[in-house]
Amino acid sequence: MVLLLGGGPRRFNDIKRSVDGISQRMLTLTLRGLERDGMVTRTMFPTIPPRVDYELTPLGHSSRAPVLVLMEWINTNLPEIEAARARFDLRRQAD
């Protein structure tokens, strides 16, 4: 979410379309949590239908660099992560 909002404010439905497979409820809970943590601001515009924009705060922007490092680590280790998942799933099926 931090990387998605790094380019500037985004509307709720735009964010939802950009995050494959996320439910409206989960997106709402995630954004609410980020807002509570001071990472995101929520701006509601009194239009019909209502428009809601989400934007990173300075604190949220400061988290972008560590998130990018984590994503790089994930991409580097993805084959090992997927192999571990497959082994785990096979053990679960055997139980």
PDB file of N, CA and C in Angstrom:
ATOM      1  N   MET A   1       0.823  -1.187   0.000  1.00  0.00           N
ATOM      2  CA  MET A   1       0.000   0.000   0.000  1.00  0.00           C
ATOM      3  C   MET A   1       0.868   1.253   0.000  1.00  0.00           C
ATOM      4  N   VAL A   2       1.974   1.198   0.744  1.00  0.00           N
ATOM      5  CA  VAL A   2       2.871   2.351   0.833  1.00  0.00           C
ATOM      6  C   VAL A   2       3.426   2.685  -0.543  1.00  0.00           C
ATOM      7  N   LEU A   3       3.830   1.675  -1.281  1.00  0.00           N
ATOM      8  CA  LEU A   3       4.376   1.941  -2.615  1.00  0.00           C
ATOM      9  C   LEU A   3       3.294   2.418  -3.567  1.00  0.00           C
ATOM     10  N   LEU A   4       2.111   1.891  -3.437  1.00  0.00           N
ATOM     11  CA  LEU A   4       0.992   2.284  -4.288  1.00  0.00           C
ATOM     12  C   LEU A   4       0.637   3.748  -4.088  1.00  0.00           C
ATOM     13  N   LEU A   5       0.694   4.217  -2.854  1.00  0.00           N
ATOM     14  CA  LEU A   5       0.345   5.604  -2.559  1.00  0.00           C
ATOM     15  C   LEU A   5       1.531   6.558  -2.696  1.00  0.00           C
ATOM     16  N   GLY A   6       2.694   6.025  -2.993  1.00  0.00           N
ATOM     17  CA  GLY A   6       3.892   6.857  -3.088  1.00  0.00           C
ATOM     18  C   GLY A   6       3.863   7.886  -4.200  1.00  0.00           C
ATOM     19  N   GLY A   7       3.046   7.663  -5.198  1.00  0.00           N
ATOM     20  CA  GLY A   7       2.972   8.589  -6.328  1.00  0.00           C
ATOM     21  C   GLY A   7       2.005   9.737  -6.136  1.00  0.00           C
ATOM     22  N   GLY A   8       1.332   9.774  -5.004  1.00  0.00           N
ATOM     23  CA  GLY A   8       0.373  10.842  -4.754  1.00  0.00           C
ATOM     24  C   GLY A   8      -0.965  10.289  -4.351  1.00  0.00           C
ATOM     25  N   PRO A   9      -1.927  11.185  -4.108  1.00  0.00           N
ATOM     26  CA  PRO A   9      -3.245  10.755  -3.629  1.00  0.00           C
ATOM     27  C   PRO A   9      -3.926   9.815  -4.609  1.00  0.00           C
ATOM     28  N   ARG A  10      -4.650   8.853  -4.053  1.00  0.00           N
ATOM     29  CA  ARG A  10      -5.403   7.899  -4.874  1.00  0.00           C
ATOM     30  C   ARG A  10      -6.791   7.751  -4.288  1.00  0.00           C
ATOM     31  N   ARG A  11      -7.757   7.590  -5.167  1.00  0.00           N
ATOM     32  CA  ARG A  11      -9.134   7.340  -4.750  1.00  0.00           C
ATOM     33  C   ARG A  11      -9.277   5.883  -4.324  1.00  0.00           C
ATOM     34  N   PHE A  12     -10.247   5.654  -3.428  1.00  0.00           N
ATOM     35  CA  PHE A  12     -10.460   4.321  -2.883  1.00  0.00           C
ATOM     36  C   PHE A  12     -10.621   3.288  -3.997  1.00  0.00           C
ATOM     37  N   ASN A  13     -11.514   3.545  -4.945  1.00  0.00           N
ATOM     38  CA  ASN A  13     -11.778   2.560  -5.999  1.00  0.00           C
ATOM     39  C   ASN A  13     -10.569   2.347  -6.902  1.00  0.00           C
ATOM     40  N   ASP A  14      -9.767   3.366  -7.086  1.00  0.00           N
ATOM     41  CA  ASP A  14      -8.537   3.233  -7.866  1.00  0.00           C
ATOM     42  C   ASP A  14      -7.571   2.295  -7.139  1.00  0.00           C
ATOM     43  N   ILE A  15      -7.468   2.466  -5.826  1.00  0.00           N
ATOM     44  CA  ILE A  15      -6.611   1.578  -5.029  1.00  0.00           C
ATOM     45  C   ILE A  15      -7.132   0.151  -5.123  1.00  0.00           C
ATOM     46  N   LYS A  16      -8.444  -0.020  -4.977  1.00  0.00           N
ATOM     47  CA  LYS A  16      -9.045  -1.361  -5.017  1.00  0.00           C
ATOM     48  C   LYS A  16      -8.760  -2.057  -6.349  1.00  0.00           C
ATOM     49  N   ARG A  17      -8.855  -1.320  -7.439  1.00  0.00           N
ATOM     50  CA  ARG A  17      -8.563  -1.909  -8.756  1.00  0.00           C
ATOM     51  C   ARG A  17      -7.090  -2.285  -8.893  1.00  0.00           C
ATOM     52  N   SER A  18      -6.228  -1.587  -8.192  1.00  0.00           N
ATOM     53  CA  SER A  18      -4.785  -1.816  -8.301  1.00  0.00           C
ATOM     54  C   SER A  18      -4.287  -2.971  -7.445  1.00  0.00           C
ATOM     55  N   VAL A  19      -5.076  -3.391  -6.455  1.00  0.00           N
ATOM     56  CA  VAL A  19      -4.659  -4.466  -5.545  1.00  0.00           C
ATOM     57  C   VAL A  19      -5.475  -5.705  -5.886  1.00  0.00           C
ATOM     58  N   ASP A  20      -4.862  -6.599  -6.612  1.00  0.00           N
ATOM     59  CA  ASP A  20      -5.551  -7.785  -7.106  1.00  0.00           C
ATOM     60  C   ASP A  20      -6.071  -8.656  -5.965  1.00  0.00           C
ATOM     61  N   GLY A  21      -7.359  -8.950  -6.013  1.00  0.00           N
ATOM     62  CA  GLY A  21      -7.954  -9.905  -5.093  1.00  0.00           C
ATOM     63  C   GLY A  21      -8.322  -9.376  -3.718  1.00  0.00           C
ATOM     64  N   ILE A  22      -8.143  -8.100  -3.448  1.00  0.00           N
ATOM     65  CA  ILE A  22      -8.482  -7.577  -2.122  1.00  0.00           C
ATOM     66  C   ILE A  22      -9.976  -7.258  -2.056  1.00  0.00           C
ATOM     67  N   SER A  23     -10.579  -7.615  -0.945  1.00  0.00           N
ATOM     68  CA  SER A  23     -11.995  -7.292  -0.767  1.00  0.00           C
ATOM     69  C   SER A  23     -12.123  -5.844  -0.314  1.00  0.00           C
ATOM     70  N   GLN A  24     -13.302  -5.296  -0.501  1.00  0.00           N
ATOM     71  CA  GLN A  24     -13.544  -3.921  -0.074  1.00  0.00           C
ATOM     72  C   GLN A  24     -13.347  -3.803   1.437  1.00  0.00           C
ATOM     73  N   ARG A  25     -13.816  -4.786   2.180  1.00  0.00           N
ATOM     74  CA  ARG A  25     -13.674  -4.752   3.635  1.00  0.00           C
ATOM     75  C   ARG A  25     -12.207  -4.771   4.052  1.00  0.00           C
ATOM     76  N   MET A  26     -11.412  -5.654   3.455  1.00  0.00           N
ATOM     77  CA  MET A  26      -9.996  -5.744   3.830  1.00  0.00           C
ATOM     78  C   MET A  26      -9.250  -4.461   3.463  1.00  0.00           C
ATOM     79  N   LEU A  27      -9.565  -3.886   2.313  1.00  0.00           N
ATOM     80  CA  LEU A  27      -8.931  -2.629   1.928  1.00  0.00           C
ATOM     81  C   LEU A  27      -9.307  -1.524   2.904  1.00  0.00           C
ATOM     82  N   THR A  28     -10.578  -1.470   3.279  1.00  0.00           N
ATOM     83  CA  THR A  28     -11.029  -0.462   4.249  1.00  0.00           C
ATOM     84  C   THR A  28     -10.295  -0.625   5.575  1.00  0.00           C
ATOM     85  N   LEU A  29     -10.192  -1.861   6.063  1.00  0.00           N
ATOM     86  CA  LEU A  29      -9.499  -2.104   7.333  1.00  0.00           C
ATOM     87  C   LEU A  29      -8.017  -1.748   7.245  1.00  0.00           C
ATOM     88  N   THR A  30      -7.392  -2.074   6.130  1.00  0.00           N
ATOM     89  CA  THR A  30      -5.973  -1.767   5.939  1.00  0.00           C
ATOM     90  C   THR A  30      -5.737  -0.269   5.919  1.00  0.00           C
ATOM     91  N   LEU A  31      -6.546   0.444   5.138  1.00  0.00           N
ATOM     92  CA  LEU A  31      -6.386   1.896   5.062  1.00  0.00           C
ATOM     93  C   LEU A  31      -6.691   2.562   6.401  1.00  0.00           C
ATOM     94  N   ARG A  32      -7.691   2.057   7.099  1.00  0.00           N
ATOM     95  CA  ARG A  32      -8.028   2.606   8.419  1.00  0.00           C
ATOM     96  C   ARG A  32      -6.867   2.402   9.399  1.00  0.00           C
ATOM     97  N   GLY A  33      -6.246   1.231   9.334  1.00  0.00           N
ATOM     98  CA  GLY A  33      -5.091   0.968  10.192  1.00  0.00           C
ATOM     99  C   GLY A  33      -3.913   1.873   9.867  1.00  0.00           C
ATOM    100  N   LEU A  34      -3.661   2.078   8.584  1.00  0.00           N
ATOM    101  CA  LEU A  34      -2.581   2.975   8.174  1.00  0.00           C
ATOM    102  C   LEU A  34      -2.869   4.410   8.583  1.00  0.00           C
ATOM    103  N   GLU A  35      -4.130   4.790   8.515  1.00  0.00           N
ATOM    104  CA  GLU A  35      -4.514   6.130   8.947  1.00  0.00           C
ATOM    105  C   GLU A  35      -4.316   6.267  10.462  1.00  0.00           C
ATOM    106  N   ARG A  36      -4.720   5.262  11.195  1.00  0.00           N
ATOM    107  CA  ARG A  36      -4.569   5.276  12.657  1.00  0.00           C
ATOM    108  C   ARG A  36      -3.097   5.374  13.049  1.00  0.00           C
ATOM    109  N   ASP A  37      -2.227   4.707  12.297  1.00  0.00           N
ATOM    110  CA  ASP A  37      -0.792   4.711  12.580  1.00  0.00           C
ATOM    111  C   ASP A  37      -0.088   5.988  12.117  1.00  0.00           C
ATOM    112  N   GLY A  38      -0.825   6.878  11.464  1.00  0.00           N
ATOM    113  CA  GLY A  38      -0.233   8.125  11.008  1.00  0.00           C
ATOM    114  C   GLY A  38       0.503   8.021   9.685  1.00  0.00           C
ATOM    115  N   MET A  39       0.272   6.932   8.960  1.00  0.00           N
ATOM    116  CA  MET A  39       0.960   6.710   7.687  1.00  0.00           C
ATOM    117  C   MET A  39       0.201   7.300   6.500  1.00  0.00           C
ATOM    118  N   VAL A  40      -1.111   7.431   6.642  1.00  0.00           N
ATOM    119  CA  VAL A  40      -1.991   7.830   5.543  1.00  0.00           C
ATOM    120  C   VAL A  40      -2.986   8.867   6.050  1.00  0.00           C
ATOM    121  N   THR A  41      -3.306   9.808   5.181  1.00  0.00           N
ATOM    122  CA  THR A  41      -4.413  10.719   5.478  1.00  0.00           C
ATOM    123  C   THR A  41      -5.576  10.364   4.568  1.00  0.00           C
ATOM    124  N   ARG A  42      -6.770  10.558   5.094  1.00  0.00           N
ATOM    125  CA  ARG A  42      -8.004  10.286   4.358  1.00  0.00           C
ATOM    126  C   ARG A  42      -8.727  11.612   4.208  1.00  0.00           C
ATOM    127  N   THR A  43      -9.041  11.959   2.950  1.00  0.00           N
ATOM    128  CA  THR A  43      -9.761  13.201   2.683  1.00  0.00           C
ATOM    129  C   THR A  43     -11.054  12.860   1.968  1.00  0.00           C
ATOM    130  N   MET A  44     -12.165  13.288   2.561  1.00  0.00           N
ATOM    131  CA  MET A  44     -13.475  13.033   1.966  1.00  0.00           C
ATOM    132  C   MET A  44     -13.990  14.317   1.330  1.00  0.00           C
ATOM    133  N   PHE A  45     -14.439  14.201   0.100  1.00  0.00           N
ATOM    134  CA  PHE A  45     -14.982  15.335  -0.635  1.00  0.00           C
ATOM    135  C   PHE A  45     -16.494  15.183  -0.710  1.00  0.00           C
ATOM    136  N   PRO A  46     -17.237  16.230  -0.343  1.00  0.00           N
ATOM    137  CA  PRO A  46     -18.703  16.134  -0.301  1.00  0.00           C
ATOM    138  C   PRO A  46     -19.327  16.251  -1.691  1.00  0.00           C
ATOM    139  N   THR A  47     -19.083  15.238  -2.499  1.00  0.00           N
ATOM    140  CA  THR A  47     -19.658  15.197  -3.842  1.00  0.00           C
ATOM    141  C   THR A  47     -20.664  14.050  -3.885  1.00  0.00           C
ATOM    142  N   ILE A  48     -21.363  13.954  -4.993  1.00  0.00           N
ATOM    143  CA  ILE A  48     -22.294  12.838  -5.178  1.00  0.00           C
ATOM    144  C   ILE A  48     -21.839  12.080  -6.423  1.00  0.00           C
ATOM    145  N   PRO A  49     -21.408  10.844  -6.301  1.00  0.00           N
ATOM    146  CA  PRO A  49     -21.200  10.106  -5.051  1.00  0.00           C
ATOM    147  C   PRO A  49     -19.996  10.670  -4.285  1.00  0.00           C
ATOM    148  N   PRO A  50     -19.878  10.367  -2.981  1.00  0.00           N
ATOM    149  CA  PRO A  50     -18.757  10.882  -2.206  1.00  0.00           C
ATOM    150  C   PRO A  50     -17.426  10.400  -2.769  1.00  0.00           C
ATOM    151  N   ARG A  51     -16.459  11.264  -2.721  1.00  0.00           N
ATOM    152  CA  ARG A  51     -15.118  10.926  -3.189  1.00  0.00           C
ATOM    153  C   ARG A  51     -14.191  10.909  -1.977  1.00  0.00           C
ATOM    154  N   VAL A  52     -13.403   9.861  -1.862  1.00  0.00           N
ATOM    155  CA  VAL A  52     -12.457   9.729  -0.760  1.00  0.00           C
ATOM    156  C   VAL A  52     -11.080   9.484  -1.350  1.00  0.00           C
ATOM    157  N   ASP A  53     -10.127  10.322  -0.955  1.00  0.00           N
ATOM    158  CA  ASP A  53      -8.741  10.177  -1.392  1.00  0.00           C
ATOM    159  C   ASP A  53      -7.876   9.766  -0.215  1.00  0.00           C
ATOM    160  N   TYR A  54      -6.866   8.955  -0.498  1.00  0.00           N
ATOM    161  CA  TYR A  54      -5.884   8.548   0.500  1.00  0.00           C
ATOM    162  C   TYR A  54      -4.517   8.989   0.008  1.00  0.00           C
ATOM    163  N   GLU A  55      -3.698   9.471   0.958  1.00  0.00           N
ATOM    164  CA  GLU A  55      -2.376   9.981   0.604  1.00  0.00           C
ATOM    165  C   GLU A  55      -1.409   9.678   1.743  1.00  0.00           C
ATOM    166  N   LEU A  56      -0.164   9.407   1.378  1.00  0.00           N
ATOM    167  CA  LEU A  56       0.840   9.176   2.405  1.00  0.00           C
ATOM    168  C   LEU A  56       1.152  10.459   3.157  1.00  0.00           C
ATOM    169  N   THR A  57       1.357  10.319   4.440  1.00  0.00           N
ATOM    170  CA  THR A  57       1.839  11.422   5.273  1.00  0.00           C
ATOM    171  C   THR A  57       3.374  11.443   5.163  1.00  0.00           C
ATOM    172  N   PRO A  58       4.031  12.440   5.739  1.00  0.00           N
ATOM    173  CA  PRO A  58       5.502  12.393   5.765  1.00  0.00           C
ATOM    174  C   PRO A  58       6.035  11.107   6.411  1.00  0.00           C
ATOM    175  N   LEU A  59       5.370  10.636   7.483  1.00  0.00           N
ATOM    176  CA  LEU A  59       5.776   9.371   8.104  1.00  0.00           C
ATOM    177  C   LEU A  59       5.627   8.219   7.115  1.00  0.00           C
ATOM    178  N   GLY A  60       4.519   8.198   6.395  1.00  0.00           N
ATOM    179  CA  GLY A  60       4.306   7.158   5.390  1.00  0.00           C
ATOM    180  C   GLY A  60       5.361   7.190   4.302  1.00  0.00           C
ATOM    181  N   HIS A  61       5.703   8.389   3.838  1.00  0.00           N
ATOM    182  CA  HIS A  61       6.759   8.516   2.818  1.00  0.00           C
ATOM    183  C   HIS A  61       8.092   8.005   3.339  1.00  0.00           C
ATOM    184  N   SER A  62       8.361   8.216   4.636  1.00  0.00           N
ATOM    185  CA  SER A  62       9.645   7.772   5.196  1.00  0.00           C
ATOM    186  C   SER A  62       9.755   6.254   5.236  1.00  0.00           C
ATOM    187  N   SER A  63       8.647   5.548   5.130  1.00  0.00           N
ATOM    188  CA  SER A  63       8.679   4.079   5.157  1.00  0.00           C
ATOM    189  C   SER A  63       8.922   3.471   3.777  1.00  0.00           C
ATOM    190  N   ARG A  64       8.897   4.288   2.739  1.00  0.00           N
ATOM    191  CA  ARG A  64       9.031   3.742   1.381  1.00  0.00           C
ATOM    192  C   ARG A  64      10.363   3.041   1.162  1.00  0.00           C
ATOM    193  N   ALA A  65      11.462   3.640   1.625  1.00  0.00           N
ATOM    194  CA  ALA A  65      12.782   3.033   1.400  1.00  0.00           C
ATOM    195  C   ALA A  65      12.895   1.658   2.058  1.00  0.00           C
ATOM    196  N   PRO A  66      12.524   1.501   3.338  1.00  0.00           N
ATOM    197  CA  PRO A  66      12.590   0.148   3.918  1.00  0.00           C
ATOM    198  C   PRO A  66      11.655  -0.846   3.235  1.00  0.00           C
ATOM    199  N   VAL A  67      10.497  -0.389   2.800  1.00  0.00           N
ATOM    200  CA  VAL A  67       9.568  -1.287   2.104  1.00  0.00           C
ATOM    201  C   VAL A  67      10.181  -1.753   0.785  1.00  0.00           C
ATOM    202  N   LEU A  68      10.845  -0.862   0.076  1.00  0.00           N
ATOM    203  CA  LEU A  68      11.510  -1.241  -1.178  1.00  0.00           C
ATOM    204  C   LEU A  68      12.601  -2.277  -0.926  1.00  0.00           C
ATOM    205  N   VAL A  69      13.359  -2.111   0.151  1.00  0.00           N
ATOM    206  CA  VAL A  69      14.405  -3.087   0.495  1.00  0.00           C
ATOM    207  C   VAL A  69      13.769  -4.445   0.786  1.00  0.00           C
ATOM    208  N   LEU A  70      12.668  -4.447   1.545  1.00  0.00           N
ATOM    209  CA  LEU A  70      11.971  -5.699   1.847  1.00  0.00           C
ATOM    210  C   LEU A  70      11.452  -6.356   0.570  1.00  0.00           C
ATOM    211  N   MET A  71      10.897  -5.573  -0.329  1.00  0.00           N
ATOM    212  CA  MET A  71      10.389  -6.141  -1.586  1.00  0.00           C
ATOM    213  C   MET A  71      11.522  -6.736  -2.416  1.00  0.00           C
ATOM    214  N   GLU A  72      12.668  -6.079  -2.415  1.00  0.00           N
ATOM    215  CA  GLU A  72      13.826  -6.616  -3.136  1.00  0.00           C
ATOM    216  C   GLU A  72      14.249  -7.951  -2.528  1.00  0.00           C
ATOM    217  N   TRP A  73      14.254  -8.022  -1.183  1.00  0.00           N
ATOM    218  CA  TRP A  73      14.597  -9.274  -0.516  1.00  0.00           C
ATOM    219  C   TRP A  73      13.611 -10.378  -0.892  1.00  0.00           C
ATOM    220  N   ILE A  74      12.329 -10.049  -0.884  1.00  0.00           N
ATOM    221  CA  ILE A  74      11.304 -11.029  -1.252  1.00  0.00           C
ATOM    222  C   ILE A  74      11.522 -11.521  -2.675  1.00  0.00           C
ATOM    223  N   ASN A  75      11.747 -10.600  -3.596  1.00  0.00           N
ATOM    224  CA  ASN A  75      11.961 -10.996  -4.992  1.00  0.00           C
ATOM    225  C   ASN A  75      13.193 -11.882  -5.138  1.00  0.00           C
ATOM    226  N   THR A  76      14.256 -11.587  -4.394  1.00  0.00           N
ATOM    227  CA  THR A  76      15.472 -12.394  -4.451  1.00  0.00           C
ATOM    228  C   THR A  76      15.228 -13.792  -3.906  1.00  0.00           C
ATOM    229  N   ASN A  77      14.425 -13.882  -2.861  1.00  0.00           N
ATOM    230  CA  ASN A  77      14.211 -15.159  -2.164  1.00  0.00           C
ATOM    231  C   ASN A  77      12.908 -15.850  -2.535  1.00  0.00           C
ATOM    232  N   LEU A  78      12.201 -15.351  -3.520  1.00  0.00           N
ATOM    233  CA  LEU A  78      10.900 -15.909  -3.870  1.00  0.00           C
ATOM    234  C   LEU A  78      10.936 -17.398  -4.211  1.00  0.00           C
ATOM    235  N   PRO A  79      11.920 -17.881  -4.973  1.00  0.00           N
ATOM    236  CA  PRO A  79      11.924 -19.328  -5.240  1.00  0.00           C
ATOM    237  C   PRO A  79      12.003 -20.164  -3.954  1.00  0.00           C
ATOM    238  N   GLU A  80      12.818 -19.736  -2.994  1.00  0.00           N
ATOM    239  CA  GLU A  80      12.937 -20.475  -1.734  1.00  0.00           C
ATOM    240  C   GLU A  80      11.649 -20.368  -0.917  1.00  0.00           C
ATOM    241  N   ILE A  81      11.018 -19.212  -0.929  1.00  0.00           N
ATOM    242  CA  ILE A  81       9.747 -19.022  -0.216  1.00  0.00           C
ATOM    243  C   ILE A  81       8.673 -19.923  -0.816  1.00  0.00           C
ATOM    244  N   GLU A  82       8.590 -19.950  -2.141  1.00  0.00           N
ATOM    245  CA  GLU A  82       7.585 -20.794  -2.796  1.00  0.00           C
ATOM    246  C   GLU A  82       7.836 -22.271  -2.527  1.00  0.00           C
ATOM    247  N   ALA A  83       9.102 -22.687  -2.502  1.00  0.00           N
ATOM    248  CA  ALA A  83       9.433 -24.083  -2.209  1.00  0.00           C
ATOM    249  C   ALA A  83       9.026 -24.433  -0.777  1.00  0.00           C
ATOM    250  N   ALA A  84       9.272 -23.523   0.149  1.00  0.00           N
ATOM    251  CA  ALA A  84       8.869 -23.757   1.545  1.00  0.00           C
ATOM    252  C   ALA A  84       7.356 -23.873   1.663  1.00  0.00           C
ATOM    253  N   ARG A  85       6.647 -23.037   0.939  1.00  0.00           N
ATOM    254  CA  ARG A  85       5.183 -23.117   0.951  1.00  0.00           C
ATOM    255  C   ARG A  85       4.693 -24.460   0.418  1.00  0.00           C
ATOM    256  N   ALA A  86       5.319 -24.904  -0.667  1.00  0.00           N
ATOM    257  CA  ALA A  86       4.917 -26.182  -1.263  1.00  0.00           C
ATOM    258  C   ALA A  86       5.171 -27.330  -0.287  1.00  0.00           C
ATOM    259  N   ARG A  87       6.336 -27.330   0.381  1.00  0.00           N
ATOM    260  CA  ARG A  87       6.630 -28.378   1.375  1.00  0.00           C
ATOM    261  C   ARG A  87       5.616 -28.335   2.513  1.00  0.00           C
ATOM    262  N   PHE A  88       5.305 -27.153   2.994  1.00  0.00           N
ATOM    263  CA  PHE A  88       4.334 -26.986   4.073  1.00  0.00           C
ATOM    264  C   PHE A  88       2.970 -27.526   3.654  1.00  0.00           C
ATOM    265  N   ASP A  89       2.529 -27.148   2.456  1.00  0.00           N
ATOM    266  CA  ASP A  89       1.220 -27.593   1.967  1.00  0.00           C
ATOM    267  C   ASP A  89       1.160 -29.109   1.831  1.00  0.00           C
ATOM    268  N   LEU A  90       2.246 -29.726   1.379  1.00  0.00           N
ATOM    269  CA  LEU A  90       2.272 -31.186   1.269  1.00  0.00           C
ATOM    270  C   LEU A  90       2.175 -31.844   2.643  1.00  0.00           C
ATOM    271  N   ARG A  91       2.870 -31.293   3.628  1.00  0.00           N
ATOM    272  CA  ARG A  91       2.779 -31.846   4.991  1.00  0.00           C
ATOM    273  C   ARG A  91       1.370 -31.698   5.539  1.00  0.00           C
ATOM    274  N   ARG A  92       0.734 -30.576   5.282  1.00  0.00           N
ATOM    275  CA  ARG A  92      -0.642 -30.319   5.765  1.00  0.00           C
ATOM    276  C   ARG A  92      -1.619 -31.296   5.126  1.00  0.00           C
ATOM    277  N   GLN A  93      -1.410 -31.600   3.858  1.00  0.00           N
ATOM    278  CA  GLN A  93      -2.303 -32.536   3.164  1.00  0.00           C
ATOM    279  C   GLN A  93      -2.158 -33.946   3.727  1.00  0.00           C
ATOM    280  N   ALA A  94      -0.968 -34.270   4.176  1.00  0.00           N
ATOM    281  CA  ALA A  94      -0.711 -35.613   4.703  1.00  0.00           C
ATOM    282  C   ALA A  94      -1.323 -35.805   6.087  1.00  0.00           C
ATOM    283  N   ASP A  95      -1.583 -34.724   6.799  1.00  0.00           N
ATOM    284  CA  ASP A  95      -2.149 -34.824   8.162  1.00  0.00           C
ATOM    285  C   ASP A  95      -3.583 -35.212   8.173  1.00  0.00           C
TER     286      ASP A  95
END
